């Protein structure tokens, strides 16, 4: 299984958004032409189908964009966890718990 990059998901979301508008325009034109010819039932079906397809594409675009954002956040969290893991192993912490005393007092930080 291949991993999906956030940029690919964002591109897919943009493409789905473009298809939403294309579907809407095509539905309005097709329904209008059918209504003009006196086939009101078929015009209503065309408008309903294109509205449903547009709504499904809009939901898919939102889902792809949300998944891309989650992947970006996950990558940032993994980097931060790696930084924390390497920071805990550093010898300058001196084995103390908590932050170092900024005033260098005897007895530690109060």
Protein backbone atom coordinates (compact mmCIF):
# COMPACT_ATOMS: atom_id res chain seq x y z
CA UNK A 1 0.00 0.00 0.00
CA UNK A 2 1.41 3.38 -0.99
CA UNK A 3 1.31 6.34 1.33
CA UNK A 4 -0.62 9.38 0.22
CA UNK A 5 1.02 12.77 0.49
CA UNK A 6 -0.93 15.76 1.80
CA UNK A 7 -0.27 17.68 -1.42
CA UNK A 8 -1.91 14.92 -3.43
CA UNK A 9 -4.98 15.06 -1.20
CA UNK A 10 -5.16 18.84 -1.50
CA UNK A 11 -4.94 18.52 -5.28
CA UNK A 12 -7.74 15.94 -5.23
CA UNK A 13 -9.84 18.31 -3.11
CA UNK A 14 -9.31 21.14 -5.58
CA UNK A 15 -10.23 18.87 -8.47
CA UNK A 16 -13.39 17.77 -6.67
CA UNK A 17 -14.29 21.42 -6.04
CA UNK A 18 -13.89 22.15 -9.75
CA UNK A 19 -16.08 19.15 -10.57
CA UNK A 20 -18.74 20.46 -8.19
CA UNK A 21 -19.09 23.65 -10.20
CA UNK A 22 -18.89 21.82 -13.52
CA UNK A 23 -21.60 19.41 -12.44
CA UNK A 24 -23.79 22.28 -11.25
CA UNK A 25 -23.50 24.18 -14.50
CA UNK A 26 -24.13 21.05 -16.56
CA UNK A 27 -27.19 20.21 -14.46
CA UNK A 28 -28.66 23.67 -14.78
CA UNK A 29 -28.16 23.66 -18.54
CA UNK A 30 -29.48 20.12 -19.04
CA UNK A 31 -32.48 20.71 -16.80
CA UNK A 32 -33.20 24.02 -18.46
CA UNK A 33 -33.14 22.48 -21.92
CA UNK A 34 -35.40 19.62 -20.83
CA UNK A 35 -37.81 22.03 -19.14
CA UNK A 36 -37.86 24.20 -22.25
CA UNK A 37 -38.90 21.22 -24.37
CA UNK A 38 -41.82 20.54 -22.07
CA UNK A 39 -40.33 17.60 -20.17
CA UNK A 40 -40.62 18.97 -16.66
CA UNK A 41 -40.31 15.54 -15.01
CA UNK A 42 -37.00 14.78 -16.68
CA UNK A 43 -35.77 18.30 -15.90
CA UNK A 44 -36.55 17.76 -12.23
CA UNK A 45 -34.72 14.42 -12.31
CA UNK A 46 -31.70 16.03 -13.99
CA UNK A 47 -31.59 18.83 -11.41
CA UNK A 48 -31.94 16.36 -8.53
CA UNK A 49 -29.22 14.05 -9.83
CA UNK A 50 -26.77 16.84 -10.48
CA UNK A 51 -27.47 18.39 -7.07
CA UNK A 52 -26.84 15.01 -5.42
CA UNK A 53 -23.64 14.46 -7.39
CA UNK A 54 -22.43 17.96 -6.54
CA UNK A 55 -23.16 17.46 -2.85
CA UNK A 56 -21.29 14.14 -2.84
CA UNK A 57 -18.31 15.74 -4.57
CA UNK A 58 -18.37 18.62 -2.08
CA UNK A 59 -18.31 16.17 0.85
CA UNK A 60 -15.45 14.25 -0.78
CA UNK A 61 -13.50 17.50 -1.20
CA UNK A 62 -14.01 18.41 2.47
CA UNK A 63 -12.95 14.91 3.54
CA UNK A 64 -9.81 15.00 1.39
CA UNK A 65 -8.86 18.43 2.70
CA UNK A 66 -9.44 17.34 6.32
CA UNK A 67 -7.36 14.21 5.83
CA UNK A 68 -4.54 16.27 4.32
CA UNK A 69 -4.61 18.57 7.35
CA UNK A 70 -4.50 15.58 9.68
CA UNK A 71 -1.51 14.13 7.85
CA UNK A 72 0.35 17.45 8.13
CA UNK A 73 -0.42 17.65 11.86
CA UNK A 74 0.68 14.05 12.35
CA UNK A 75 4.01 14.75 10.66
CA UNK A 76 4.55 17.82 12.86
CA UNK A 77 3.73 15.83 16.00
CA UNK A 78 6.15 13.07 15.00
CA UNK A 79 8.90 15.68 14.53
CA UNK A 80 8.15 17.20 17.94
CA UNK A 81 8.17 13.78 19.62
CA UNK A 82 11.50 13.00 18.01
CA UNK A 83 12.88 16.32 19.25
CA UNK A 84 11.62 15.58 22.76
CA UNK A 85 13.11 12.11 22.72
CA UNK A 86 16.52 13.45 21.76
CA UNK A 87 16.24 16.31 24.29
CA UNK A 88 15.66 13.87 27.15
CA UNK A 89 18.87 12.04 26.38
CA UNK A 90 21.05 15.16 26.53
CA UNK A 91 23.57 15.31 29.39
CA UNK A 92 23.10 19.05 30.09
CA UNK A 93 19.84 18.36 31.89
CA UNK A 94 21.92 17.07 34.84
CA UNK A 95 19.34 14.45 35.77
CA UNK A 96 17.12 17.05 37.50
CA UNK A 97 13.42 17.18 37.01
CA UNK A 98 11.93 20.50 35.97
CA UNK A 99 13.53 23.55 34.42
CA UNK A 100 16.96 24.76 35.54
CA UNK A 101 17.10 27.52 38.15
CA UNK A 102 17.45 30.84 36.27
CA UNK A 103 19.17 32.53 39.26
CA UNK A 104 21.63 29.68 39.97
CA UNK A 105 20.60 29.43 43.63
CA UNK A 106 21.74 26.67 45.92
CA UNK A 107 18.99 24.19 46.58
CA UNK A 108 17.36 24.25 43.18
CA UNK A 109 14.37 25.97 41.74
CA UNK A 110 11.55 26.98 44.13
